[in-house]
């Protein structure tokens, strides 16, 4: 088993992942999509946007699974503006947030966390990071054992 991390962990169960692919790289359109979701009083938890490729981007984000159908209705309002838009959904996930105030000064912190997951056969569906926190989205199936592996 891998070495544990000196960190805090927070688990958000019942998290859905929405991936919107082939969006025109137009910030007015992208902000409109997120405004439409916000107008439904839905809180977005993690966002990842790819770099533009041939004028299009992909965006992945998380939200509470209970808000999934309302978010999809909000996104579908933009189908006329982005006809080639592809929407994928993965509803059965847990967001794992690992935080450590000194993380920015610890080389390899992310590598250690990813190795712990890899050693246990836990796939990460989405990851975001800041100077003090790494958030990973994993399948609900793995959520019960993650805390004991990390801290």
N, C-alpha and C. Protein backbone atom coordinates (compact mmCIF):
# COMPACT_ATOMS: atom_id res chain seq x y z
N UNK A 1 0.84 -1.19 0.00
CA UNK A 1 0.00 0.00 0.00
C UNK A 1 0.88 1.25 0.00
N UNK A 2 0.40 2.30 -0.59
CA UNK A 2 1.14 3.56 -0.70
C UNK A 2 1.20 4.29 0.63
N UNK A 3 2.13 5.21 0.74
CA UNK A 3 2.25 6.05 1.91
C UNK A 3 1.08 7.03 1.96
N UNK A 4 0.51 7.22 3.15
CA UNK A 4 -0.61 8.15 3.30
C UNK A 4 -0.11 9.59 3.30
N UNK A 5 -1.03 10.51 3.07
CA UNK A 5 -0.71 11.93 3.01
C UNK A 5 -1.11 12.62 4.32
N UNK A 6 -0.36 13.63 4.70
CA UNK A 6 -0.72 14.45 5.85
C UNK A 6 -1.63 15.56 5.33
N UNK A 7 -2.93 15.26 5.29
CA UNK A 7 -3.87 16.19 4.66
C UNK A 7 -5.26 16.00 5.24
N UNK A 8 -6.14 16.91 4.91
CA UNK A 8 -7.55 16.80 5.26
C UNK A 8 -8.31 16.32 4.03
N UNK A 9 -9.42 15.63 4.28
CA UNK A 9 -10.21 15.13 3.15
C UNK A 9 -11.67 15.48 3.38
N UNK A 10 -12.33 15.84 2.30
CA UNK A 10 -13.76 16.12 2.31
C UNK A 10 -14.39 15.32 1.17
N UNK A 11 -15.49 14.65 1.47
CA UNK A 11 -16.16 13.82 0.47
C UNK A 11 -17.54 14.41 0.17
N UNK A 12 -17.84 14.60 -1.10
CA UNK A 12 -19.17 15.05 -1.54
C UNK A 12 -19.79 13.91 -2.34
N UNK A 13 -20.71 13.21 -1.71
CA UNK A 13 -21.37 12.07 -2.35
C UNK A 13 -22.47 12.56 -3.28
N UNK A 14 -22.91 11.69 -4.18
CA UNK A 14 -24.02 12.03 -5.07
C UNK A 14 -23.68 13.17 -6.00
N UNK A 15 -22.54 13.05 -6.66
CA UNK A 15 -22.08 14.10 -7.56
C UNK A 15 -22.16 13.62 -9.00
N UNK A 16 -22.74 14.43 -9.85
CA UNK A 16 -22.86 14.10 -11.28
C UNK A 16 -21.78 14.84 -12.05
N UNK A 17 -21.32 14.21 -13.11
CA UNK A 17 -20.36 14.81 -14.03
C UNK A 17 -21.06 15.05 -15.36
N UNK A 18 -20.97 16.28 -15.85
CA UNK A 18 -21.48 16.61 -17.18
C UNK A 18 -20.29 17.02 -18.03
N UNK A 19 -20.20 16.42 -19.20
CA UNK A 19 -19.15 16.77 -20.16
C UNK A 19 -19.84 17.33 -21.40
N UNK A 20 -19.52 18.55 -21.74
CA UNK A 20 -20.05 19.17 -22.95
C UNK A 20 -18.89 19.25 -23.93
N UNK A 21 -19.04 18.57 -25.03
CA UNK A 21 -17.97 18.49 -26.02
C UNK A 21 -18.34 19.28 -27.28
N UNK A 22 -17.31 19.75 -27.94
CA UNK A 22 -17.47 20.42 -29.23
C UNK A 22 -18.25 21.74 -29.12
N UNK A 23 -17.94 22.50 -28.09
CA UNK A 23 -18.56 23.81 -27.90
C UNK A 23 -17.73 24.84 -28.67
N UNK A 24 -18.37 25.71 -29.43
CA UNK A 24 -17.60 26.80 -30.05
C UNK A 24 -16.86 27.59 -28.96
N UNK A 25 -15.64 27.95 -29.23
CA UNK A 25 -14.82 28.70 -28.27
C UNK A 25 -15.28 30.15 -28.24
N UNK A 26 -16.43 30.36 -27.66
CA UNK A 26 -17.10 31.65 -27.60
C UNK A 26 -17.50 31.89 -26.14
N UNK A 27 -16.81 32.78 -25.46
CA UNK A 27 -17.07 32.98 -24.04
C UNK A 27 -18.47 33.51 -23.76
N UNK A 28 -19.09 34.21 -24.70
CA UNK A 28 -20.48 34.62 -24.49
C UNK A 28 -21.39 33.40 -24.44
N UNK A 29 -21.17 32.45 -25.33
CA UNK A 29 -21.96 31.21 -25.34
C UNK A 29 -21.69 30.42 -24.07
N UNK A 30 -20.43 30.24 -23.72
CA UNK A 30 -20.06 29.46 -22.53
C UNK A 30 -20.61 30.12 -21.27
N UNK A 31 -20.47 31.43 -21.15
CA UNK A 31 -21.01 32.11 -19.96
C UNK A 31 -22.53 32.03 -19.95
N UNK A 32 -23.16 32.05 -21.12
CA UNK A 32 -24.61 31.90 -21.19
C UNK A 32 -25.07 30.54 -20.69
N UNK A 33 -24.34 29.50 -21.04
CA UNK A 33 -24.67 28.15 -20.56
C UNK A 33 -24.59 28.10 -19.04
N UNK A 34 -23.51 28.62 -18.47
CA UNK A 34 -23.36 28.59 -17.02
C UNK A 34 -24.34 29.53 -16.32
N UNK A 35 -24.68 30.64 -16.95
CA UNK A 35 -25.70 31.53 -16.38
C UNK A 35 -27.05 30.83 -16.36
N UNK A 36 -27.36 30.10 -17.42
CA UNK A 36 -28.62 29.36 -17.49
C UNK A 36 -28.69 28.31 -16.36
N UNK A 37 -27.58 27.67 -16.09
CA UNK A 37 -27.53 26.69 -15.00
C UNK A 37 -27.68 27.41 -13.65
N UNK A 38 -26.99 28.52 -13.48
CA UNK A 38 -27.08 29.29 -12.24
C UNK A 38 -28.49 29.81 -12.01
N UNK A 39 -29.18 30.19 -13.09
CA UNK A 39 -30.56 30.67 -12.97
C UNK A 39 -31.50 29.59 -12.42
N UNK A 40 -31.07 28.33 -12.51
CA UNK A 40 -31.84 27.21 -11.94
C UNK A 40 -31.44 26.95 -10.49
N UNK A 41 -30.62 27.84 -9.91
CA UNK A 41 -30.11 27.72 -8.54
C UNK A 41 -29.29 26.45 -8.34
N UNK A 42 -28.51 26.11 -9.36
CA UNK A 42 -27.64 24.93 -9.30
C UNK A 42 -26.21 25.40 -9.06
N UNK A 43 -25.57 24.77 -8.09
CA UNK A 43 -24.20 25.11 -7.74
C UNK A 43 -23.24 24.16 -8.47
N UNK A 44 -22.34 24.72 -9.25
CA UNK A 44 -21.32 23.96 -9.95
C UNK A 44 -20.13 23.79 -9.00
N UNK A 45 -19.58 22.56 -8.93
CA UNK A 45 -18.50 22.29 -7.98
C UNK A 45 -17.11 22.34 -8.58
N UNK A 46 -16.90 21.72 -9.71
CA UNK A 46 -15.58 21.68 -10.35
C UNK A 46 -15.79 21.99 -11.82
N UNK A 47 -14.85 22.71 -12.42
CA UNK A 47 -14.95 22.99 -13.85
C UNK A 47 -13.57 22.77 -14.48
N UNK A 48 -13.58 22.13 -15.62
CA UNK A 48 -12.35 21.98 -16.42
C UNK A 48 -12.68 22.33 -17.86
N UNK A 49 -11.91 23.25 -18.43
CA UNK A 49 -12.10 23.66 -19.83
C UNK A 49 -10.81 23.37 -20.58
N UNK A 50 -10.93 22.71 -21.71
CA UNK A 50 -9.75 22.42 -22.51
C UNK A 50 -9.29 23.67 -23.26
N UNK A 51 -8.08 23.61 -23.75
CA UNK A 51 -7.59 24.66 -24.65
C UNK A 51 -8.33 24.53 -25.97
N UNK A 52 -8.52 25.64 -26.68
CA UNK A 52 -9.23 25.58 -27.97
C UNK A 52 -8.50 24.70 -28.98
N UNK A 53 -9.29 23.98 -29.76
CA UNK A 53 -8.77 23.19 -30.87
C UNK A 53 -9.72 23.36 -32.04
N UNK A 54 -9.23 23.96 -33.10
CA UNK A 54 -10.05 24.21 -34.30
C UNK A 54 -11.33 24.96 -33.96
N UNK A 55 -11.21 25.91 -33.03
CA UNK A 55 -12.33 26.78 -32.70
C UNK A 55 -13.34 26.20 -31.73
N UNK A 56 -13.03 25.05 -31.13
CA UNK A 56 -13.95 24.42 -30.19
C UNK A 56 -13.23 24.02 -28.90
N UNK A 57 -13.99 23.88 -27.83
CA UNK A 57 -13.47 23.44 -26.54
C UNK A 57 -14.39 22.37 -25.97
N UNK A 58 -13.89 21.69 -24.95
CA UNK A 58 -14.70 20.76 -24.17
C UNK A 58 -14.71 21.27 -22.74
N UNK A 59 -15.85 21.14 -22.09
CA UNK A 59 -15.98 21.57 -20.71
C UNK A 59 -16.58 20.42 -19.91
N UNK A 60 -15.96 20.14 -18.76
CA UNK A 60 -16.48 19.15 -17.83
C UNK A 60 -16.72 19.86 -16.50
N UNK A 61 -17.80 19.49 -15.83
CA UNK A 61 -18.07 20.08 -14.53
C UNK A 61 -18.95 19.15 -13.70
N UNK A 62 -18.94 19.41 -12.40
CA UNK A 62 -19.70 18.58 -11.46
C UNK A 62 -20.79 19.40 -10.77
N UNK A 63 -21.81 18.69 -10.36
CA UNK A 63 -22.93 19.29 -9.64
C UNK A 63 -23.64 18.19 -8.86
N UNK A 64 -24.47 18.54 -7.90
CA UNK A 64 -25.22 17.51 -7.19
C UNK A 64 -26.10 16.71 -8.15
N UNK A 65 -26.09 15.39 -7.99
CA UNK A 65 -26.86 14.52 -8.88
C UNK A 65 -28.34 14.88 -8.90
N UNK A 66 -28.85 15.36 -7.80
CA UNK A 66 -30.27 15.73 -7.73
C UNK A 66 -30.62 16.89 -8.67
N UNK A 67 -29.62 17.66 -9.10
CA UNK A 67 -29.84 18.80 -9.99
C UNK A 67 -29.57 18.48 -11.46
N UNK A 68 -29.25 17.23 -11.75
CA UNK A 68 -28.82 16.85 -13.08
C UNK A 68 -29.85 17.14 -14.15
N UNK A 69 -31.09 16.74 -13.96
CA UNK A 69 -32.10 16.93 -15.02
C UNK A 69 -32.35 18.42 -15.29
N UNK A 70 -32.38 19.25 -14.25
CA UNK A 70 -32.57 20.68 -14.46
C UNK A 70 -31.38 21.30 -15.19
N UNK A 71 -30.17 20.81 -14.89
CA UNK A 71 -28.98 21.33 -15.58
C UNK A 71 -29.02 20.96 -17.06
N UNK A 72 -29.44 19.75 -17.37
CA UNK A 72 -29.51 19.33 -18.77
C UNK A 72 -30.54 20.14 -19.55
N UNK A 73 -31.65 20.46 -18.93
CA UNK A 73 -32.66 21.31 -19.57
C UNK A 73 -32.05 22.69 -19.85
N UNK A 74 -31.30 23.23 -18.87
CA UNK A 74 -30.68 24.54 -19.03
C UNK A 74 -29.66 24.52 -20.17
N UNK A 75 -28.86 23.47 -20.26
CA UNK A 75 -27.85 23.36 -21.31
C UNK A 75 -28.51 23.22 -22.68
N UNK A 76 -29.56 22.46 -22.75
CA UNK A 76 -30.22 22.22 -24.04
C UNK A 76 -30.83 23.48 -24.64
N UNK A 77 -30.98 24.52 -23.86
CA UNK A 77 -31.47 25.80 -24.40
C UNK A 77 -30.49 26.39 -25.41
N UNK A 78 -29.25 25.91 -25.38
CA UNK A 78 -28.20 26.46 -26.25
C UNK A 78 -27.91 25.59 -27.47
N UNK A 79 -28.73 24.61 -27.72
CA UNK A 79 -28.51 23.72 -28.88
C UNK A 79 -28.60 24.47 -30.21
N UNK A 80 -29.43 25.49 -30.29
CA UNK A 80 -29.53 26.26 -31.54
C UNK A 80 -28.24 27.02 -31.81
N UNK A 81 -27.57 27.48 -30.74
CA UNK A 81 -26.33 28.23 -30.89
C UNK A 81 -25.12 27.33 -31.14
N UNK A 82 -25.26 26.07 -30.77
CA UNK A 82 -24.14 25.13 -30.90
C UNK A 82 -24.71 23.78 -31.34
N UNK A 83 -24.99 23.66 -32.60
CA UNK A 83 -25.67 22.48 -33.14
C UNK A 83 -24.87 21.18 -32.98
N UNK A 84 -23.54 21.25 -32.98
CA UNK A 84 -22.71 20.05 -32.88
C UNK A 84 -22.33 19.70 -31.45
N UNK A 85 -22.95 20.36 -30.51
CA UNK A 85 -22.70 20.15 -29.10
C UNK A 85 -23.02 18.71 -28.70
N UNK A 86 -22.12 18.06 -27.98
CA UNK A 86 -22.34 16.71 -27.48
C UNK A 86 -22.35 16.77 -25.96
N UNK A 87 -23.35 16.15 -25.34
CA UNK A 87 -23.46 16.16 -23.89
C UNK A 87 -23.36 14.73 -23.39
N UNK A 88 -22.45 14.49 -22.45
CA UNK A 88 -22.31 13.19 -21.81
C UNK A 88 -22.52 13.38 -20.31
N UNK A 89 -23.12 12.36 -19.69
CA UNK A 89 -23.45 12.45 -18.27
C UNK A 89 -22.96 11.20 -17.55
N UNK A 90 -22.46 11.39 -16.35
CA UNK A 90 -22.05 10.29 -15.47
C UNK A 90 -22.54 10.66 -14.08
N UNK A 91 -23.58 10.00 -13.61
CA UNK A 91 -24.29 10.47 -12.42
C UNK A 91 -23.83 9.88 -11.09
N UNK A 92 -23.04 8.84 -11.07
CA UNK A 92 -22.77 8.12 -9.81
C UNK A 92 -21.33 8.30 -9.35
N UNK A 93 -21.06 9.46 -8.78
CA UNK A 93 -19.70 9.80 -8.41
C UNK A 93 -19.62 10.43 -7.03
N UNK A 94 -18.39 10.50 -6.54
CA UNK A 94 -18.07 11.19 -5.30
C UNK A 94 -16.93 12.15 -5.59
N UNK A 95 -17.07 13.38 -5.13
CA UNK A 95 -15.97 14.35 -5.24
C UNK A 95 -15.14 14.24 -3.98
N UNK A 96 -13.85 13.99 -4.16
CA UNK A 96 -12.91 13.86 -3.06
C UNK A 96 -12.00 15.08 -3.09
N UNK A 97 -12.04 15.88 -2.04
CA UNK A 97 -11.18 17.06 -1.96
C UNK A 97 -10.14 16.82 -0.88
N UNK A 98 -8.90 16.86 -1.29
CA UNK A 98 -7.77 16.65 -0.37
C UNK A 98 -7.06 17.99 -0.24
N UNK A 99 -6.98 18.48 1.01
CA UNK A 99 -6.38 19.79 1.21
C UNK A 99 -5.25 19.73 2.23
N UNK A 100 -4.30 20.60 2.01
CA UNK A 100 -3.14 20.70 2.89
C UNK A 100 -2.61 22.12 2.71
N UNK A 101 -2.56 22.87 3.78
CA UNK A 101 -2.11 24.25 3.70
C UNK A 101 -0.71 24.41 3.14
N UNK A 102 0.13 23.38 3.31
CA UNK A 102 1.51 23.44 2.85
C UNK A 102 1.69 22.78 1.49
N UNK A 103 0.60 22.39 0.82
CA UNK A 103 0.69 21.62 -0.41
C UNK A 103 1.56 22.31 -1.47
N UNK A 104 1.46 23.62 -1.58
CA UNK A 104 2.24 24.33 -2.60
C UNK A 104 3.74 24.22 -2.38
N UNK A 105 4.14 23.87 -1.17
CA UNK A 105 5.56 23.73 -0.85
C UNK A 105 6.02 22.27 -0.80
N UNK A 106 5.13 21.34 -1.20
CA UNK A 106 5.46 19.92 -1.16
C UNK A 106 5.52 19.38 -2.58
N UNK A 107 6.71 19.30 -3.17
CA UNK A 107 6.81 18.74 -4.51
C UNK A 107 6.30 17.30 -4.54
N UNK A 108 5.50 16.99 -5.55
CA UNK A 108 5.02 15.62 -5.70
C UNK A 108 3.76 15.29 -4.93
N UNK A 109 3.11 16.27 -4.32
CA UNK A 109 1.89 15.98 -3.55
C UNK A 109 0.84 15.33 -4.45
N UNK A 110 0.61 15.92 -5.62
CA UNK A 110 -0.38 15.34 -6.55
C UNK A 110 0.06 13.95 -7.00
N UNK A 111 1.35 13.79 -7.26
CA UNK A 111 1.86 12.49 -7.69
C UNK A 111 1.59 11.43 -6.63
N UNK A 112 1.79 11.77 -5.37
CA UNK A 112 1.54 10.82 -4.27
C UNK A 112 0.06 10.45 -4.21
N UNK A 113 -0.80 11.46 -4.32
CA UNK A 113 -2.25 11.19 -4.28
C UNK A 113 -2.65 10.30 -5.46
N UNK A 114 -2.19 10.62 -6.65
CA UNK A 114 -2.53 9.83 -7.83
C UNK A 114 -1.98 8.41 -7.70
N UNK A 115 -0.81 8.24 -7.10
CA UNK A 115 -0.24 6.91 -6.91
C UNK A 115 -1.08 6.08 -5.94
N UNK A 116 -1.55 6.72 -4.87
CA UNK A 116 -2.44 6.02 -3.94
C UNK A 116 -3.65 5.48 -4.68
N UNK A 117 -4.26 6.32 -5.51
CA UNK A 117 -5.43 5.89 -6.27
C UNK A 117 -5.05 4.80 -7.27
N UNK A 118 -3.94 4.97 -7.96
CA UNK A 118 -3.52 3.99 -8.96
C UNK A 118 -3.24 2.64 -8.31
N UNK A 119 -2.56 2.64 -7.16
CA UNK A 119 -2.25 1.38 -6.48
C UNK A 119 -3.51 0.62 -6.07
N UNK A 120 -4.59 1.34 -5.85
CA UNK A 120 -5.85 0.72 -5.43
C UNK A 120 -6.82 0.51 -6.60
N UNK A 121 -6.39 0.84 -7.80
CA UNK A 121 -7.25 0.65 -8.97
C UNK A 121 -8.42 1.63 -9.05
N UNK A 122 -8.22 2.81 -8.50
CA UNK A 122 -9.26 3.84 -8.48
C UNK A 122 -8.99 4.82 -9.61
N UNK A 123 -9.89 4.88 -10.58
CA UNK A 123 -9.77 5.81 -11.69
C UNK A 123 -10.28 7.19 -11.29
N UNK A 124 -9.59 8.21 -11.73
CA UNK A 124 -10.00 9.59 -11.51
C UNK A 124 -10.67 10.07 -12.79
N UNK A 125 -11.92 10.50 -12.69
CA UNK A 125 -12.68 10.95 -13.86
C UNK A 125 -12.42 12.42 -14.18
N UNK A 126 -12.15 13.21 -13.17
CA UNK A 126 -11.90 14.63 -13.35
C UNK A 126 -11.06 15.08 -12.16
N UNK A 127 -10.09 15.94 -12.40
CA UNK A 127 -9.26 16.46 -11.31
C UNK A 127 -9.04 17.95 -11.53
N UNK A 128 -9.12 18.71 -10.47
CA UNK A 128 -8.78 20.12 -10.48
C UNK A 128 -7.91 20.39 -9.25
N UNK A 129 -7.13 21.45 -9.32
CA UNK A 129 -6.23 21.73 -8.20
C UNK A 129 -6.06 23.23 -8.01
N UNK A 130 -5.75 23.59 -6.77
CA UNK A 130 -5.34 24.94 -6.42
C UNK A 130 -4.05 24.81 -5.62
N UNK A 131 -3.59 25.89 -5.04
CA UNK A 131 -2.35 25.82 -4.27
C UNK A 131 -2.49 24.98 -3.01
N UNK A 132 -3.73 24.80 -2.52
CA UNK A 132 -3.90 24.10 -1.25
C UNK A 132 -4.88 22.92 -1.32
N UNK A 133 -5.41 22.62 -2.51
CA UNK A 133 -6.41 21.55 -2.58
C UNK A 133 -6.37 20.87 -3.95
N UNK A 134 -6.57 19.56 -3.92
CA UNK A 134 -6.77 18.79 -5.13
C UNK A 134 -8.13 18.13 -5.00
N UNK A 135 -8.99 18.32 -5.99
CA UNK A 135 -10.30 17.68 -6.00
C UNK A 135 -10.32 16.67 -7.13
N UNK A 136 -10.78 15.47 -6.80
CA UNK A 136 -10.86 14.39 -7.78
C UNK A 136 -12.27 13.82 -7.76
N UNK A 137 -12.75 13.48 -8.93
CA UNK A 137 -14.05 12.84 -9.04
C UNK A 137 -13.81 11.36 -9.30
N UNK A 138 -14.40 10.53 -8.45
CA UNK A 138 -14.25 9.08 -8.58
C UNK A 138 -15.63 8.43 -8.54
N UNK A 139 -15.72 7.20 -9.01
CA UNK A 139 -16.98 6.47 -8.97
C UNK A 139 -17.39 6.24 -7.52
N UNK A 140 -18.69 6.34 -7.24
CA UNK A 140 -19.21 6.12 -5.89
C UNK A 140 -18.73 4.81 -5.28
N UNK A 141 -18.52 3.82 -6.12
CA UNK A 141 -18.12 2.50 -5.66
C UNK A 141 -16.86 2.56 -4.80
N UNK A 142 -15.96 3.48 -5.09
CA UNK A 142 -14.69 3.57 -4.38
C UNK A 142 -14.73 4.49 -3.16
N UNK A 143 -15.79 5.24 -2.98
CA UNK A 143 -15.78 6.32 -2.00
C UNK A 143 -15.59 5.84 -0.56
N UNK A 144 -16.13 4.69 -0.20
CA UNK A 144 -16.04 4.24 1.20
C UNK A 144 -14.61 3.97 1.66
N UNK A 145 -13.73 3.58 0.77
CA UNK A 145 -12.37 3.25 1.21
C UNK A 145 -11.35 4.35 0.98
N UNK A 146 -11.73 5.42 0.32
CA UNK A 146 -10.75 6.45 -0.04
C UNK A 146 -10.19 7.16 1.19
N UNK A 147 -11.02 7.55 2.15
CA UNK A 147 -10.53 8.28 3.30
C UNK A 147 -9.47 7.48 4.05
N UNK A 148 -9.66 6.19 4.20
CA UNK A 148 -8.67 5.37 4.91
C UNK A 148 -7.38 5.23 4.12
N UNK A 149 -7.42 5.41 2.83
CA UNK A 149 -6.21 5.31 2.00
C UNK A 149 -5.40 6.59 2.02
N UNK A 150 -6.08 7.74 2.14
CA UNK A 150 -5.41 9.03 1.97
C UNK A 150 -4.88 9.59 3.28
N UNK A 151 -5.68 9.55 4.35
CA UNK A 151 -5.24 10.17 5.61
C UNK A 151 -5.00 9.14 6.69
